[in-house]
């Protein structure tokens, strides 16, 4: 059926099963595709500059959903058993990404707000492995082993840097702190014995070594 510049198209099989339906109104387009057993495989709709896409398997499980509104993009992907694998959302200049394993364990989460970046990574058993966060010009980094032991912590505030390193059994191995032009360095053995301490203030140097 055509009216003015509008077109409608409907395709069916000989046993009255719908294969595809297409409809255009002005610059809007709607597309629906189905299998011969009436299972929806894909659905597309565009309105103005908005696009919505829905894909499904033959057993009605959602595999991916994409939607764009203005400059925002939302993407949802799922496995055949309806487990979420990844979710991406873009609002203005902010990006959020969530990735999960098929058993719904979070593996990776990224969030950007303005110029801030937050990254959280986890193992499949929900143990935190690393956390990164930037705010303005400050950087914070936390790294952990699979059994939640801290291995290193880095923090940058203005021009100050703090570095903490630990072994998997929570023993401190080295600590570095810089404030302005001052440097402090502390090194320890795995049994918590002090190995060396270095400190510089202005042009003064202090060094302490312990065997």
N, C-alpha and C. Protein backbone atom coordinates (compact mmCIF):
# COMPACT_ATOMS: atom_id res chain seq x y z
N UNK A 1 0.85 -1.17 0.00
CA UNK A 1 0.00 0.00 0.00
C UNK A 1 0.90 1.24 0.00
N UNK A 2 0.66 2.16 -0.91
CA UNK A 2 1.41 3.42 -0.94
C UNK A 2 0.43 4.57 -0.83
N UNK A 3 0.70 5.52 0.05
CA UNK A 3 -0.08 6.75 0.20
C UNK A 3 0.91 7.90 0.19
N UNK A 4 0.80 8.77 -0.85
CA UNK A 4 1.79 9.84 -1.00
C UNK A 4 3.17 9.20 -1.06
N UNK A 5 4.02 9.53 -0.14
CA UNK A 5 5.35 8.92 -0.12
C UNK A 5 5.47 7.85 0.95
N UNK A 6 4.36 7.42 1.50
CA UNK A 6 4.37 6.38 2.52
C UNK A 6 4.29 5.02 1.87
N UNK A 7 5.00 4.06 2.41
CA UNK A 7 4.98 2.70 1.87
C UNK A 7 4.87 1.71 3.01
N UNK A 8 4.04 0.71 2.82
CA UNK A 8 3.89 -0.38 3.78
C UNK A 8 4.10 -1.69 3.05
N UNK A 9 4.94 -2.54 3.59
CA UNK A 9 5.25 -3.83 2.97
C UNK A 9 5.08 -4.93 4.00
N UNK A 10 4.33 -5.97 3.64
CA UNK A 10 4.11 -7.12 4.51
C UNK A 10 4.36 -8.39 3.71
N UNK A 11 5.24 -9.25 4.21
CA UNK A 11 5.55 -10.52 3.57
C UNK A 11 5.15 -11.65 4.50
N UNK A 12 4.47 -12.63 3.93
CA UNK A 12 4.00 -13.78 4.71
C UNK A 12 4.32 -15.06 3.95
N UNK A 13 4.43 -16.16 4.68
CA UNK A 13 4.61 -17.47 4.06
C UNK A 13 3.26 -18.01 3.63
N UNK A 14 3.33 -19.18 2.92
CA UNK A 14 2.08 -19.75 2.41
C UNK A 14 1.16 -20.22 3.52
N UNK A 15 1.71 -20.49 4.72
CA UNK A 15 0.87 -20.92 5.85
C UNK A 15 0.57 -19.75 6.78
N UNK A 16 0.58 -18.52 6.22
CA UNK A 16 0.18 -17.31 6.95
C UNK A 16 1.14 -16.93 8.08
N UNK A 17 2.37 -17.39 8.06
CA UNK A 17 3.36 -16.93 9.02
C UNK A 17 4.01 -15.65 8.51
N UNK A 18 4.19 -14.68 9.40
CA UNK A 18 4.80 -13.41 9.02
C UNK A 18 6.30 -13.59 8.92
N UNK A 19 6.88 -13.17 7.79
CA UNK A 19 8.32 -13.19 7.63
C UNK A 19 8.92 -11.81 7.89
N UNK A 20 8.35 -10.75 7.31
CA UNK A 20 8.90 -9.41 7.51
C UNK A 20 7.80 -8.37 7.30
N UNK A 21 7.91 -7.30 8.08
CA UNK A 21 6.99 -6.16 7.98
C UNK A 21 7.81 -4.89 7.93
N UNK A 22 7.61 -4.08 6.89
CA UNK A 22 8.33 -2.82 6.72
C UNK A 22 7.31 -1.70 6.57
N UNK A 23 7.52 -0.60 7.27
CA UNK A 23 6.63 0.55 7.16
C UNK A 23 7.46 1.82 7.24
N UNK A 24 7.26 2.74 6.29
CA UNK A 24 7.94 4.03 6.31
C UNK A 24 6.88 5.13 6.37
N UNK A 25 7.04 6.06 7.30
CA UNK A 25 6.18 7.24 7.42
C UNK A 25 7.10 8.45 7.51
N UNK A 26 6.98 9.36 6.50
CA UNK A 26 7.95 10.46 6.41
C UNK A 26 9.34 9.85 6.33
N UNK A 27 10.20 10.17 7.26
CA UNK A 27 11.54 9.58 7.26
C UNK A 27 11.68 8.52 8.34
N UNK A 28 10.57 8.08 8.93
CA UNK A 28 10.61 7.05 9.96
C UNK A 28 10.51 5.68 9.31
N UNK A 29 11.24 4.74 9.83
CA UNK A 29 11.21 3.37 9.29
C UNK A 29 11.07 2.39 10.43
N UNK A 30 10.22 1.39 10.23
CA UNK A 30 10.04 0.31 11.19
C UNK A 30 10.21 -1.01 10.46
N UNK A 31 11.03 -1.87 11.00
CA UNK A 31 11.30 -3.17 10.37
C UNK A 31 11.14 -4.26 11.42
N UNK A 32 10.34 -5.26 11.10
CA UNK A 32 10.12 -6.41 11.97
C UNK A 32 10.37 -7.69 11.18
N UNK A 33 11.27 -8.53 11.66
CA UNK A 33 11.59 -9.80 11.01
C UNK A 33 11.27 -10.93 11.97
N UNK A 34 10.62 -11.96 11.44
CA UNK A 34 10.23 -13.11 12.25
C UNK A 34 10.58 -14.39 11.50
N UNK A 35 10.80 -15.47 12.25
CA UNK A 35 11.00 -16.77 11.64
C UNK A 35 9.64 -17.39 11.30
N UNK A 36 9.70 -18.53 10.61
CA UNK A 36 8.44 -19.14 10.17
C UNK A 36 7.62 -19.68 11.33
N UNK A 37 8.23 -19.88 12.50
CA UNK A 37 7.48 -20.32 13.68
C UNK A 37 7.14 -19.14 14.59
N UNK A 38 7.07 -17.93 14.00
CA UNK A 38 6.63 -16.72 14.70
C UNK A 38 7.58 -16.26 15.80
N UNK A 39 8.83 -16.69 15.79
CA UNK A 39 9.81 -16.17 16.73
C UNK A 39 10.42 -14.89 16.17
N UNK A 40 10.53 -13.88 16.99
CA UNK A 40 11.12 -12.61 16.57
C UNK A 40 12.63 -12.74 16.53
N UNK A 41 13.23 -12.35 15.42
CA UNK A 41 14.68 -12.37 15.31
C UNK A 41 15.28 -10.98 15.44
N UNK A 42 14.66 -9.95 14.85
CA UNK A 42 15.20 -8.60 14.98
C UNK A 42 14.10 -7.58 14.78
N UNK A 43 14.22 -6.47 15.49
CA UNK A 43 13.26 -5.38 15.39
C UNK A 43 14.04 -4.07 15.36
N UNK A 44 13.82 -3.26 14.33
CA UNK A 44 14.51 -1.99 14.17
C UNK A 44 13.49 -0.87 14.02
N UNK A 45 13.72 0.24 14.72
CA UNK A 45 12.85 1.40 14.58
C UNK A 45 13.71 2.66 14.65
N UNK A 46 13.50 3.57 13.70
CA UNK A 46 14.21 4.85 13.73
C UNK A 46 13.18 5.97 13.75
N UNK A 47 13.32 6.90 14.70
CA UNK A 47 12.47 8.08 14.81
C UNK A 47 13.39 9.29 14.90
N UNK A 48 13.23 10.23 13.92
CA UNK A 48 14.17 11.35 13.84
C UNK A 48 15.58 10.77 13.73
N UNK A 49 16.43 11.07 14.67
CA UNK A 49 17.77 10.49 14.65
C UNK A 49 17.94 9.41 15.70
N UNK A 50 16.85 8.94 16.29
CA UNK A 50 16.92 7.90 17.31
C UNK A 50 16.83 6.53 16.65
N UNK A 51 17.61 5.61 17.11
CA UNK A 51 17.61 4.25 16.57
C UNK A 51 17.46 3.27 17.73
N UNK A 52 16.54 2.34 17.58
CA UNK A 52 16.36 1.27 18.56
C UNK A 52 16.47 -0.06 17.85
N UNK A 53 17.29 -0.93 18.35
CA UNK A 53 17.50 -2.24 17.74
C UNK A 53 17.37 -3.31 18.81
N UNK A 54 16.53 -4.30 18.55
CA UNK A 54 16.34 -5.42 19.46
C UNK A 54 16.53 -6.72 18.69
N UNK A 55 17.44 -7.56 19.15
CA UNK A 55 17.71 -8.85 18.53
C UNK A 55 17.40 -9.95 19.53
N UNK A 56 16.74 -10.97 19.06
CA UNK A 56 16.36 -12.10 19.91
C UNK A 56 16.70 -13.40 19.20
N UNK A 57 16.96 -14.44 19.98
CA UNK A 57 17.15 -15.76 19.42
C UNK A 57 15.79 -16.41 19.16
N UNK A 58 15.82 -17.58 18.52
CA UNK A 58 14.57 -18.23 18.16
C UNK A 58 13.81 -18.73 19.38
N UNK A 59 14.47 -18.85 20.53
CA UNK A 59 13.78 -19.25 21.76
C UNK A 59 13.44 -18.05 22.63
N UNK A 60 13.31 -16.86 21.98
CA UNK A 60 12.86 -15.64 22.64
C UNK A 60 13.85 -15.10 23.67
N UNK A 61 15.09 -15.52 23.65
CA UNK A 61 16.10 -14.96 24.55
C UNK A 61 16.72 -13.72 23.90
N UNK A 62 16.86 -12.67 24.66
CA UNK A 62 17.43 -11.42 24.15
C UNK A 62 18.94 -11.56 24.05
N UNK A 63 19.48 -11.22 22.89
CA UNK A 63 20.93 -11.25 22.72
C UNK A 63 21.54 -9.86 22.77
N UNK A 64 20.92 -8.85 22.18
CA UNK A 64 21.49 -7.51 22.23
C UNK A 64 20.39 -6.47 22.05
N UNK A 65 20.53 -5.36 22.76
CA UNK A 65 19.62 -4.23 22.66
C UNK A 65 20.46 -2.97 22.54
N UNK A 66 20.25 -2.19 21.48
CA UNK A 66 20.98 -0.95 21.25
C UNK A 66 19.97 0.18 21.12
N UNK A 67 20.24 1.30 21.79
CA UNK A 67 19.37 2.45 21.70
C UNK A 67 20.22 3.72 21.71
N UNK A 68 19.96 4.63 20.76
CA UNK A 68 20.63 5.91 20.73
C UNK A 68 19.58 7.00 20.87
N UNK A 69 19.81 7.95 21.79
CA UNK A 69 18.95 9.11 21.98
C UNK A 69 19.86 10.34 22.00
N UNK A 70 19.62 11.26 21.03
CA UNK A 70 20.52 12.40 20.88
C UNK A 70 21.94 11.88 20.72
N UNK A 71 22.81 12.21 21.63
CA UNK A 71 24.18 11.69 21.55
C UNK A 71 24.44 10.60 22.57
N UNK A 72 23.39 10.07 23.18
CA UNK A 72 23.52 9.03 24.19
C UNK A 72 23.37 7.66 23.54
N UNK A 73 24.20 6.72 23.93
CA UNK A 73 24.15 5.36 23.40
C UNK A 73 24.04 4.39 24.57
N UNK A 74 23.08 3.48 24.49
CA UNK A 74 22.92 2.43 25.49
C UNK A 74 22.97 1.09 24.77
N UNK A 75 23.81 0.22 25.23
CA UNK A 75 23.97 -1.11 24.63
C UNK A 75 23.89 -2.16 25.72
N UNK A 76 23.00 -3.12 25.53
CA UNK A 76 22.84 -4.23 26.46
C UNK A 76 23.00 -5.53 25.69
N UNK A 77 23.92 -6.36 26.11
CA UNK A 77 24.15 -7.64 25.47
C UNK A 77 23.97 -8.75 26.50
N UNK A 78 23.27 -9.79 26.08
CA UNK A 78 22.96 -10.90 26.97
C UNK A 78 23.26 -12.22 26.26
N UNK A 79 23.53 -13.24 27.04
CA UNK A 79 23.71 -14.57 26.48
C UNK A 79 22.35 -15.21 26.24
N UNK A 80 22.38 -16.40 25.60
CA UNK A 80 21.12 -17.08 25.27
C UNK A 80 20.32 -17.45 26.50
N UNK A 81 20.99 -17.58 27.67
CA UNK A 81 20.27 -17.92 28.91
C UNK A 81 19.98 -16.68 29.74
N UNK A 82 19.92 -15.51 29.07
CA UNK A 82 19.51 -14.24 29.70
C UNK A 82 20.50 -13.73 30.74
N UNK A 83 21.74 -14.19 30.75
CA UNK A 83 22.76 -13.62 31.61
C UNK A 83 23.38 -12.39 30.94
N UNK A 84 23.55 -11.34 31.70
CA UNK A 84 24.13 -10.11 31.16
C UNK A 84 25.63 -10.28 31.00
N UNK A 85 26.13 -9.95 29.81
CA UNK A 85 27.56 -10.00 29.58
C UNK A 85 28.19 -8.61 29.58
N UNK A 86 27.54 -7.61 28.99
CA UNK A 86 28.11 -6.26 28.99
C UNK A 86 27.01 -5.23 28.84
N UNK A 87 27.17 -4.11 29.51
CA UNK A 87 26.25 -2.98 29.43
C UNK A 87 27.07 -1.72 29.25
N UNK A 88 26.80 -0.97 28.19
CA UNK A 88 27.49 0.28 27.89
C UNK A 88 26.47 1.40 27.81
N UNK A 89 26.75 2.53 28.44
CA UNK A 89 25.87 3.68 28.38
C UNK A 89 26.70 4.95 28.22
N UNK A 90 26.32 5.80 27.29
CA UNK A 90 27.00 7.06 27.04
C UNK A 90 26.01 8.19 27.20
N UNK A 91 26.20 9.04 28.21
CA UNK A 91 25.36 10.21 28.44
C UNK A 91 26.27 11.43 28.44
N UNK A 92 25.98 12.36 27.50
CA UNK A 92 26.87 13.51 27.32
C UNK A 92 28.27 12.99 27.06
N UNK A 93 29.21 13.29 27.90
CA UNK A 93 30.56 12.78 27.72
C UNK A 93 30.90 11.70 28.73
N UNK A 94 29.91 11.18 29.42
CA UNK A 94 30.12 10.15 30.44
C UNK A 94 29.91 8.77 29.83
N UNK A 95 30.78 7.84 30.15
CA UNK A 95 30.69 6.47 29.65
C UNK A 95 30.67 5.52 30.85
N UNK A 96 29.73 4.60 30.86
CA UNK A 96 29.64 3.57 31.89
C UNK A 96 29.66 2.21 31.21
N UNK A 97 30.54 1.36 31.63
CA UNK A 97 30.66 0.02 31.05
C UNK A 97 30.64 -1.01 32.17
N UNK A 98 29.74 -1.97 32.06
CA UNK A 98 29.64 -3.06 33.03
C UNK A 98 29.75 -4.37 32.28
N UNK A 99 30.69 -5.19 32.66
CA UNK A 99 30.88 -6.49 32.05
C UNK A 99 30.76 -7.56 33.12
N UNK A 100 30.04 -8.61 32.79
CA UNK A 100 29.78 -9.68 33.74
C UNK A 100 30.03 -11.03 33.06
N UNK A 101 30.35 -12.02 33.86
CA UNK A 101 30.48 -13.37 33.34
C UNK A 101 29.09 -13.99 33.22
N UNK A 102 29.04 -15.19 32.62
CA UNK A 102 27.75 -15.81 32.39
C UNK A 102 27.07 -16.22 33.69
N UNK A 103 27.81 -16.31 34.80
CA UNK A 103 27.21 -16.60 36.10
C UNK A 103 26.96 -15.33 36.90
N UNK A 104 26.85 -14.19 36.21
CA UNK A 104 26.47 -12.90 36.81
C UNK A 104 27.52 -12.35 37.77
N UNK A 105 28.77 -12.78 37.71
CA UNK A 105 29.84 -12.18 38.49
C UNK A 105 30.40 -10.97 37.74
N UNK A 106 30.61 -9.90 38.45
CA UNK A 106 31.15 -8.70 37.83
C UNK A 106 32.64 -8.89 37.59
N UNK A 107 33.07 -8.60 36.37
CA UNK A 107 34.49 -8.68 36.05
C UNK A 107 35.11 -7.30 35.91
N UNK A 108 34.39 -6.33 35.37
CA UNK A 108 35.01 -5.04 35.06
C UNK A 108 33.93 -3.97 35.04
N UNK A 109 34.15 -2.85 35.74
CA UNK A 109 33.23 -1.72 35.74
C UNK A 109 34.03 -0.45 35.52
N UNK A 110 33.68 0.33 34.48
CA UNK A 110 34.33 1.59 34.16
C UNK A 110 33.29 2.70 34.18
N UNK A 111 33.61 3.83 34.80
CA UNK A 111 32.72 4.99 34.83
C UNK A 111 33.55 6.24 34.63
N UNK A 112 33.15 7.09 33.69
CA UNK A 112 33.79 8.38 33.50
C UNK A 112 32.76 9.47 33.74
N UNK A 113 33.08 10.43 34.59
CA UNK A 113 32.23 11.59 34.85
C UNK A 113 33.10 12.82 34.65
N UNK A 114 32.72 13.63 33.65
CA UNK A 114 33.52 14.79 33.27
C UNK A 114 34.94 14.32 32.99
N UNK A 115 35.90 14.73 33.78
CA UNK A 115 37.27 14.28 33.54
C UNK A 115 37.70 13.22 34.54
N UNK A 116 36.77 12.67 35.30
CA UNK A 116 37.09 11.67 36.31
C UNK A 116 36.89 10.27 35.73
N UNK A 117 37.79 9.38 36.04
CA UNK A 117 37.72 8.00 35.57
C UNK A 117 37.79 7.07 36.77
N UNK A 118 36.86 6.14 36.85
CA UNK A 118 36.85 5.12 37.90
C UNK A 118 36.83 3.76 37.23
N UNK A 119 37.75 2.92 37.62
CA UNK A 119 37.85 1.58 37.05
C UNK A 119 37.88 0.57 38.19
N UNK A 120 36.98 -0.40 38.15
CA UNK A 120 36.93 -1.47 39.13
C UNK A 120 37.00 -2.80 38.39
N UNK A 121 37.95 -3.61 38.74
CA UNK A 121 38.11 -4.92 38.14
C UNK A 121 38.04 -5.98 39.23
N UNK A 122 37.28 -7.02 38.95
CA UNK A 122 37.07 -8.08 39.92
C UNK A 122 37.26 -9.43 39.24
N UNK A 123 37.63 -10.43 40.03
CA UNK A 123 37.71 -11.78 39.51
C UNK A 123 36.31 -12.39 39.49
N UNK A 124 36.21 -13.60 38.90
CA UNK A 124 34.91 -14.22 38.77
C UNK A 124 34.32 -14.62 40.11
N UNK A 125 35.14 -14.70 41.17
CA UNK A 125 34.63 -14.99 42.51
C UNK A 125 34.46 -13.71 43.32
N UNK A 126 34.31 -12.56 42.63
CA UNK A 126 34.00 -11.27 43.25
C UNK A 126 35.13 -10.72 44.11
N UNK A 127 36.38 -11.17 43.95
CA UNK A 127 37.51 -10.58 44.64
C UNK A 127 38.02 -9.38 43.84
N UNK A 128 38.32 -8.30 44.53
CA UNK A 128 38.81 -7.09 43.87
C UNK A 128 40.27 -7.28 43.51
N UNK A 129 40.61 -7.00 42.25
CA UNK A 129 42.00 -7.07 41.82
C UNK A 129 42.62 -5.69 41.67
N UNK A 130 41.89 -4.70 41.13
CA UNK A 130 42.46 -3.37 40.99
C UNK A 130 41.35 -2.33 40.96
N UNK A 131 41.63 -1.17 41.55
CA UNK A 131 40.71 -0.04 41.55
C UNK A 131 41.50 1.21 41.20
N UNK A 132 41.07 1.92 40.15
CA UNK A 132 41.72 3.15 39.70
C UNK A 132 40.69 4.27 39.72
N UNK A 133 41.07 5.44 40.24
CA UNK A 133 40.17 6.58 40.24
C UNK A 133 40.99 7.84 39.98
N UNK A 134 40.54 8.68 39.03
CA UNK A 134 41.16 9.97 38.77
C UNK A 134 40.12 11.05 39.02
N UNK A 135 40.47 12.05 39.83
CA UNK A 135 39.62 13.21 40.09
C UNK A 135 40.48 14.45 39.83
N UNK A 136 40.04 15.27 38.85
CA UNK A 136 40.84 16.42 38.43
C UNK A 136 42.22 15.90 38.04
N UNK A 137 43.25 16.30 38.73
CA UNK A 137 44.59 15.81 38.41
C UNK A 137 45.09 14.79 39.41
N UNK A 138 44.21 14.27 40.25
CA UNK A 138 44.59 13.31 41.27
C UNK A 138 44.36 11.89 40.77
N UNK A 139 45.30 11.01 41.05
CA UNK A 139 45.19 9.61 40.63
C UNK A 139 45.33 8.72 41.86
N UNK A 140 44.40 7.79 42.03
CA UNK A 140 44.46 6.80 43.10
C UNK A 140 44.41 5.42 42.48
N UNK A 141 45.36 4.59 42.84
CA UNK A 141 45.43 3.24 42.30
C UNK A 141 45.55 2.25 43.45
N UNK A 142 44.66 1.28 43.48
CA UNK A 142 44.69 0.21 44.48
C UNK A 142 44.70 -1.12 43.75
N UNK A 143 45.68 -1.94 44.03
CA UNK A 143 45.80 -3.25 43.43
C UNK A 143 45.80 -4.31 44.52
N UNK A 144 45.02 -5.36 44.29
CA UNK A 144 44.88 -6.42 45.27
C UNK A 144 45.01 -7.77 44.57
N UNK A 145 45.42 -8.77 45.33
CA UNK A 145 45.47 -10.13 44.80
C UNK A 145 44.08 -10.75 44.86
N UNK A 146 43.97 -11.96 44.28
CA UNK A 146 42.67 -12.63 44.25
C UNK A 146 42.13 -12.94 45.64
N UNK A 147 43.02 -13.03 46.64
CA UNK A 147 42.57 -13.30 48.01
C UNK A 147 42.47 -12.02 48.83
N UNK A 148 42.27 -10.87 48.14
CA UNK A 148 42.03 -9.58 48.79
C UNK A 148 43.23 -9.04 49.55
N UNK A 149 44.45 -9.50 49.30
CA UNK A 149 45.65 -8.92 49.89
C UNK A 149 46.09 -7.72 49.05
N UNK A 150 46.45 -6.63 49.72
CA UNK A 150 46.90 -5.43 49.02
C UNK A 150 48.33 -5.62 48.55
N UNK A 151 48.57 -5.33 47.27
CA UNK A 151 49.93 -5.41 46.74
C UNK A 151 50.54 -4.03 46.54
N UNK A 152 49.78 -3.04 46.06
CA UNK A 152 50.34 -1.70 45.89
C UNK A 152 49.23 -0.67 45.92
N UNK A 153 49.55 0.49 46.47
CA UNK A 153 48.64 1.63 46.53
C UNK A 153 49.39 2.86 46.08
N UNK A 154 48.87 3.56 45.06
CA UNK A 154 49.47 4.78 44.53
C UNK A 154 48.43 5.90 44.61
N UNK A 155 48.85 7.08 45.08
CA UNK A 155 47.95 8.22 45.15
C UNK A 155 48.70 9.46 44.71
N UNK A 156 48.08 10.25 43.81
CA UNK A 156 48.66 11.49 43.31
C UNK A 156 47.70 12.62 43.62
N UNK A 157 48.08 13.56 44.48
CA UNK A 157 47.29 14.74 44.81
C UNK A 157 48.15 15.96 44.52
N UNK A 158 47.64 16.81 43.60
CA UNK A 158 48.43 17.96 43.15
C UNK A 158 49.76 17.43 42.62
N UNK A 159 50.86 17.80 43.22
CA UNK A 159 52.15 17.28 42.78
C UNK A 159 52.73 16.27 43.75
N UNK A 160 51.93 15.77 44.68
CA UNK A 160 52.39 14.82 45.68
C UNK A 160 52.10 13.39 45.22
N UNK A 161 53.06 12.51 45.43
CA UNK A 161 52.90 11.11 45.06
C UNK A 161 53.15 10.24 46.28
N UNK A 162 52.24 9.30 46.53
CA UNK A 162 52.39 8.34 47.61
C UNK A 162 52.36 6.94 47.02
N UNK A 163 53.34 6.15 47.36
CA UNK A 163 53.46 4.80 46.83
C UNK A 163 53.66 3.82 47.98
N UNK A 164 52.79 2.84 48.08
CA UNK A 164 52.88 1.81 49.10
C UNK A 164 52.87 0.44 48.42
N UNK A 165 53.89 -0.36 48.69
CA UNK A 165 53.97 -1.71 48.14
C UNK A 165 53.95 -2.71 49.28
N UNK A 166 53.16 -3.75 49.10
CA UNK A 166 53.04 -4.80 50.11
C UNK A 166 53.13 -6.16 49.42
N UNK A 167 53.58 -7.15 50.17
CA UNK A 167 53.59 -8.51 49.67
C UNK A 167 52.19 -9.12 49.84
N UNK A 168 52.02 -10.34 49.29
CA UNK A 168 50.71 -10.97 49.34
C UNK A 168 50.31 -11.34 50.77
N UNK A 169 51.28 -11.41 51.70
CA UNK A 169 50.96 -11.68 53.11
C UNK A 169 50.89 -10.39 53.92
N UNK A 170 50.62 -9.25 53.23
CA UNK A 170 50.39 -7.96 53.87
C UNK A 170 51.63 -7.38 54.55
N UNK A 171 52.84 -7.84 54.23
CA UNK A 171 54.07 -7.23 54.74
C UNK A 171 54.45 -6.05 53.86
N UNK A 172 54.84 -4.93 54.48
CA UNK A 172 55.24 -3.74 53.74
C UNK A 172 56.65 -3.94 53.21
N UNK A 173 56.83 -3.68 51.92
CA UNK A 173 58.16 -3.78 51.32
C UNK A 173 58.76 -2.40 51.05
N UNK A 174 57.98 -1.42 50.58
CA UNK A 174 58.54 -0.09 50.33
C UNK A 174 57.44 0.95 50.40
N UNK A 175 57.80 2.14 50.89
CA UNK A 175 56.90 3.28 50.97
C UNK A 175 57.65 4.50 50.46
N UNK A 176 57.10 5.19 49.45
CA UNK A 176 57.69 6.39 48.88
C UNK A 176 56.68 7.52 48.97
N UNK A 177 57.12 8.69 49.44
CA UNK A 177 56.26 9.88 49.51
C UNK A 177 57.06 11.07 49.00
N UNK A 178 56.48 11.82 48.06
CA UNK A 178 57.08 13.07 47.60
C UNK A 178 56.12 14.20 47.89
N UNK A 179 56.57 15.25 48.57
CA UNK A 179 55.80 16.46 48.84
C UNK A 179 56.65 17.64 48.39
N UNK A 180 56.10 18.41 47.43
CA UNK A 180 56.88 19.49 46.82
C UNK A 180 58.17 18.89 46.27
N UNK A 181 59.31 19.30 46.77
CA UNK A 181 60.57 18.72 46.31
C UNK A 181 61.16 17.78 47.33
N UNK A 182 60.41 17.38 48.35
CA UNK A 182 60.90 16.48 49.38
C UNK A 182 60.63 15.03 48.97
N UNK A 183 61.62 14.18 49.23
CA UNK A 183 61.48 12.77 48.90
C UNK A 183 61.73 11.94 50.15
N UNK A 184 60.84 11.02 50.43
CA UNK A 184 61.00 10.09 51.54
C UNK A 184 60.89 8.68 51.00
N UNK A 185 61.86 7.86 51.32
CA UNK A 185 61.88 6.47 50.85
C UNK A 185 62.13 5.54 52.03
N UNK A 186 61.25 4.56 52.19
CA UNK A 186 61.39 3.56 53.24
C UNK A 186 61.31 2.18 52.61
N UNK A 187 62.32 1.36 52.86
CA UNK A 187 62.35 -0.01 52.35
C UNK A 187 62.41 -0.97 53.53
N UNK A 188 61.63 -2.02 53.43
CA UNK A 188 61.58 -3.02 54.49
C UNK A 188 61.67 -4.41 53.86
N UNK A 189 62.15 -5.36 54.65
CA UNK A 189 62.19 -6.74 54.20
C UNK A 189 60.82 -7.38 54.42
N UNK A 190 60.67 -8.61 53.90
CA UNK A 190 59.37 -9.27 54.00
C UNK A 190 59.02 -9.64 55.43
N UNK A 191 60.01 -9.68 56.33
CA UNK A 191 59.72 -9.96 57.75
C UNK A 191 59.63 -8.67 58.55
N UNK A 192 59.33 -7.55 57.86
CA UNK A 192 59.09 -6.25 58.50
C UNK A 192 60.35 -5.65 59.12
N UNK A 193 61.56 -6.10 58.78
CA UNK A 193 62.79 -5.46 59.22
C UNK A 193 63.11 -4.31 58.28
N UNK A 194 63.56 -3.17 58.86
CA UNK A 194 63.91 -2.02 58.05
C UNK A 194 65.23 -2.27 57.36
N UNK A 195 65.25 -2.10 56.05
CA UNK A 195 66.48 -2.29 55.29
C UNK A 195 67.16 -0.95 55.01
N UNK A 196 66.42 0.09 54.61
CA UNK A 196 67.04 1.39 54.35
C UNK A 196 65.98 2.47 54.42
N UNK A 197 66.40 3.65 54.89
CA UNK A 197 65.55 4.83 54.94
C UNK A 197 66.33 5.99 54.36
N UNK A 198 65.78 6.64 53.34
CA UNK A 198 66.41 7.78 52.70
C UNK A 198 65.46 8.97 52.77
N UNK A 199 65.97 10.15 53.12
CA UNK A 199 65.14 11.34 53.16
C UNK A 199 65.97 12.52 52.68
N UNK A 200 65.42 13.32 51.74
CA UNK A 200 66.08 14.53 51.26
C UNK A 200 65.17 15.70 51.57
N UNK A 201 65.70 16.76 52.20
CA UNK A 201 64.99 18.00 52.48
C UNK A 201 65.87 19.15 51.98
N UNK A 202 65.32 19.94 51.03
CA UNK A 202 66.12 20.98 50.38
C UNK A 202 67.35 20.31 49.78
N UNK A 203 68.54 20.69 50.20
CA UNK A 203 69.75 20.05 49.69
C UNK A 203 70.35 19.11 50.71
N UNK A 204 69.62 18.76 51.77
CA UNK A 204 70.13 17.86 52.79
C UNK A 204 69.76 16.42 52.43
N UNK A 205 70.70 15.51 52.67
CA UNK A 205 70.48 14.10 52.39
C UNK A 205 70.67 13.32 53.69
N UNK A 206 69.70 12.48 54.01
CA UNK A 206 69.79 11.60 55.17
C UNK A 206 69.63 10.17 54.70
N UNK A 207 70.58 9.32 55.09
CA UNK A 207 70.54 7.93 54.67
C UNK A 207 70.76 7.04 55.88
N UNK A 208 69.89 6.05 56.05
CA UNK A 208 69.99 5.09 57.15
C UNK A 208 69.92 3.69 56.58
N UNK A 209 70.94 2.90 56.87
CA UNK A 209 70.96 1.51 56.42
C UNK A 209 71.03 0.60 57.65
N UNK A 210 70.21 -0.42 57.66
CA UNK A 210 70.20 -1.40 58.74
C UNK A 210 70.32 -2.78 58.11
N UNK A 211 71.29 -3.56 58.60
CA UNK A 211 71.49 -4.91 58.08
C UNK A 211 70.54 -5.86 58.81
